[in-house]
Protein backbone atom coordinates (compact mmCIF):
# COMPACT_ATOMS: atom_id res chain seq x y z
CA MET A 1 0.00 0.00 0.00
CA LYS A 2 2.86 2.40 0.83
CA THR A 3 4.47 1.68 -2.56
CA THR A 4 1.25 2.56 -4.37
CA LYS A 5 0.90 5.84 -2.45
CA PHE A 6 4.54 6.69 -3.14
CA THR A 7 4.15 5.92 -6.85
CA THR A 8 0.98 8.00 -7.05
CA LEU A 9 2.67 10.89 -5.23
CA ALA A 10 5.69 10.70 -7.55
CA ILE A 11 3.46 10.77 -10.64
CA VAL A 12 1.50 13.75 -9.31
CA LEU A 13 4.72 15.66 -8.52
CA VAL A 14 6.19 14.98 -11.97
CA ALA A 15 2.95 16.05 -13.64
CA ALA A 16 2.79 19.22 -11.53
CA MET A 17 6.37 20.14 -12.42
CA SER A 18 5.68 19.50 -16.11
CA PHE A 19 2.59 21.69 -16.13
CA SER A 20 4.28 24.51 -14.24
CA SER A 21 7.29 24.47 -16.59
CA CYS A 22 4.94 24.84 -19.58
CA ASN A 23 3.63 28.08 -18.09
CA GLU A 24 7.08 29.67 -17.70
CA LYS A 25 8.77 31.64 -20.46
CA ALA A 26 10.84 29.50 -22.83
CA LYS A 27 14.36 29.17 -21.48
CA ALA A 28 17.43 27.50 -22.83
CA GLU A 29 20.63 26.64 -21.09
CA THR A 30 23.86 27.55 -22.74
CA THR A 31 27.03 25.91 -21.53
CA VAL A 32 30.14 28.05 -21.61
CA GLU A 33 33.47 26.40 -20.95
CA LYS A 34 36.18 28.52 -19.34
CA SER A 35 39.57 26.93 -18.77
CA GLU A 36 38.96 24.59 -15.80
CA HIS A 37 35.19 24.92 -15.14
CA THR A 38 31.86 24.93 -16.93
CA GLU A 39 29.31 27.68 -16.48
CA THR A 40 25.60 27.36 -17.31
CA VAL A 41 23.70 30.51 -18.24
CA ALA A 42 19.89 30.66 -18.56
CA VAL A 43 18.67 32.67 -21.54
CA ASN A 44 15.10 33.87 -22.13
CA GLU A 45 13.98 33.10 -25.65
CA THR A 46 10.85 34.61 -27.12
CA PRO A 47 9.24 32.81 -30.08
CA ASP A 48 9.45 34.63 -33.42
CA TYR A 49 6.43 33.81 -35.61
CA PHE A 50 6.52 34.14 -39.41
CA LEU A 51 3.48 34.12 -41.69
CA LEU A 52 4.25 33.38 -45.34
CA ARG A 53 0.65 34.01 -46.44
CA PRO A 54 -0.94 35.89 -43.52
CA GLU A 55 -4.56 35.86 -44.72
CA VAL A 56 -4.52 32.16 -45.62
CA GLU A 57 -2.75 31.15 -42.42
CA LYS A 58 -5.12 33.16 -40.24
CA ALA A 59 -8.13 31.64 -42.05
CA TYR A 60 -6.85 28.09 -41.52
CA GLY A 61 -5.48 28.80 -38.02
CA TYR A 62 -1.75 28.13 -38.24
CA THR A 63 1.61 29.91 -38.44
CA HIS A 64 4.01 28.86 -41.18
CA ALA A 65 7.13 29.04 -39.01
CA VAL A 66 8.22 29.63 -35.43
CA LYS A 67 11.81 30.34 -34.39
CA ILE A 68 12.93 29.84 -30.80
CA GLY A 69 16.62 30.40 -30.21
CA ASN A 70 18.53 28.61 -32.95
CA ASP A 71 15.67 26.24 -33.81
CA ILE A 72 12.96 26.83 -36.40
CA LYS A 73 9.85 24.68 -36.94
CA ILE A 74 8.29 25.10 -40.38
CA SER A 75 4.73 23.94 -41.00
CA GLY A 76 4.03 21.68 -43.92
CA ALA A 77 4.22 23.47 -47.26
CA VAL A 78 1.75 22.54 -49.97
CA SER A 79 1.38 23.72 -53.56
CA MET A 80 -0.86 26.80 -53.26
CA ASP A 81 -1.05 30.36 -54.51
CA ASP A 82 -1.19 33.45 -52.30
CA ASP A 83 -4.98 33.12 -52.00
CA GLY A 84 -4.74 29.53 -50.74
CA ASN A 85 -5.88 27.90 -53.99
CA PRO A 86 -4.17 24.63 -55.01
CA THR A 87 -1.66 24.97 -57.86
CA ALA A 88 -0.18 22.40 -60.27
CA VAL A 89 -3.29 20.25 -59.76
CA GLY A 90 -2.55 16.71 -60.97
CA ASP A 91 1.19 17.41 -61.48
CA PHE A 92 2.98 15.70 -58.59
CA GLU A 93 6.52 16.79 -59.48
CA GLN A 94 5.54 20.45 -59.88
CA GLN A 95 3.64 20.35 -56.58
CA MET A 96 6.81 19.05 -54.90
CA LYS A 97 8.90 21.83 -56.50
CA ASN A 98 6.33 24.41 -55.37
CA CYS A 99 6.58 23.10 -51.80
CA TYR A 100 10.37 23.49 -51.82
CA ALA A 101 10.07 26.99 -53.33
CA ASP A 102 7.82 28.07 -50.43
CA LEU A 103 10.09 26.40 -47.88
CA GLU A 104 13.07 28.26 -49.36
CA LYS A 105 11.23 31.58 -48.85
CA VAL A 106 10.77 30.77 -45.15
CA LEU A 107 14.39 29.66 -44.80
CA LYS A 108 15.62 32.89 -46.43
CA HIS A 109 13.44 34.94 -44.07
CA TYR A 110 15.49 33.50 -41.20
CA GLY A 111 18.84 33.73 -43.03
CA CYS A 112 18.99 29.96 -43.56
CA THR A 113 19.44 27.54 -46.44
CA PHE A 114 18.52 23.91 -46.92
CA ASP A 115 21.97 23.10 -45.46
CA ASP A 116 20.56 24.18 -42.07
CA VAL A 117 17.65 21.69 -42.23
CA VAL A 118 17.96 18.86 -39.71
CA VAL A 119 14.54 17.18 -40.16
CA GLU A 120 12.36 16.88 -43.25
CA ASN A 121 9.02 15.06 -43.08
CA VAL A 122 7.20 14.35 -46.33
CA PHE A 123 3.50 13.47 -46.38
CA THR A 124 2.11 12.20 -49.66
CA THR A 125 -1.04 10.66 -51.05
CA ASN A 126 1.04 8.93 -53.75
CA MET A 127 4.22 7.34 -52.38
CA PRO A 128 5.17 5.54 -55.64
CA LYS A 129 5.10 8.87 -57.51
CA PHE A 130 7.13 10.56 -54.76
CA LEU A 131 9.75 7.81 -54.99
CA GLU A 132 9.96 8.40 -58.76
CA VAL A 133 10.78 12.10 -58.36
CA ALA A 134 12.55 12.08 -54.96
CA GLY A 135 15.88 12.47 -56.75
CA TYR A 136 15.04 16.17 -57.10
CA ARG A 137 15.89 16.46 -53.41
CA ALA A 138 19.60 16.10 -54.32
CA GLU A 139 19.30 19.53 -56.00
CA ILE A 140 17.89 20.96 -52.75
CA TYR A 141 20.20 19.30 -50.22
CA LYS A 142 23.68 19.88 -51.63
CA LYS A 143 25.69 19.34 -48.41
CA GLN A 144 23.83 16.46 -46.74
CA PHE A 145 20.33 15.05 -46.41
CA PRO A 146 18.41 15.71 -43.18
CA THR A 147 16.78 13.09 -41.02
CA GLY A 148 13.05 12.63 -41.36
CA SER A 149 10.20 10.45 -42.47
CA TRP A 150 8.31 9.79 -45.67
CA LEU A 151 4.70 9.03 -44.89
CA GLY A 152 1.95 7.81 -47.21
CA VAL A 153 -1.36 9.32 -46.11
CA LYS A 154 -4.96 8.96 -47.21
CA GLU A 155 -5.51 12.69 -47.75
CA LEU A 156 -4.12 16.14 -47.06
CA ALA A 157 -5.95 19.40 -46.23
CA LEU A 158 -7.51 19.72 -49.70
CA PRO A 159 -8.10 16.84 -52.13
CA GLU A 160 -5.92 18.50 -54.82
CA PHE A 161 -2.82 18.42 -52.60
CA MET A 162 -0.67 15.37 -53.25
CA ILE A 163 2.39 16.30 -51.15
CA GLU A 164 3.18 18.31 -48.02
CA ILE A 165 6.67 18.90 -46.65
CA GLU A 166 7.54 20.17 -43.17
CA LEU A 167 10.99 21.08 -41.85
CA GLU A 168 12.94 21.57 -38.66
CA VAL A 169 15.99 23.79 -38.84
CA HIS A 170 18.93 24.46 -36.56
CA LYS A 171 20.82 27.66 -37.33
CA ALA A 172 24.19 27.79 -35.62
CA GLU A 173 25.17 31.37 -34.84
């Protein structure tokens, strides 16, 4: 009985600490090495939000990218125009190229390139077609390929979308 109470108490304490840390401002620890000792400095980091297509993103309820410290999370890019209408309908390869073109705009906004990408996740409704044209990625990632996943999905936000690509970036300063 004492073990069960202790386990329950431990779970409650861990949950309470997790919830309270979510309510604090984002902080990162930077380790600075000086000759014989290591010093840890806490740094406040405020998220920087970027809207590629503000009206579309507000209508759908998302932000295209968020930068916190040296890390940037980029929402999935799809082949759409500035009004949110699907483009290159039925042309898988062009949709993929349009996704990368939008992602490049976000990367440039933050002073990054595809060399700074550490994670790339591809969602597609047609995996065999993606595998046929995936070689195009070698033109995008010239230094090295990022980690990530390729996922076949039933559908994306609109039926005309055949591919969506999201990125995570680490920009060393």
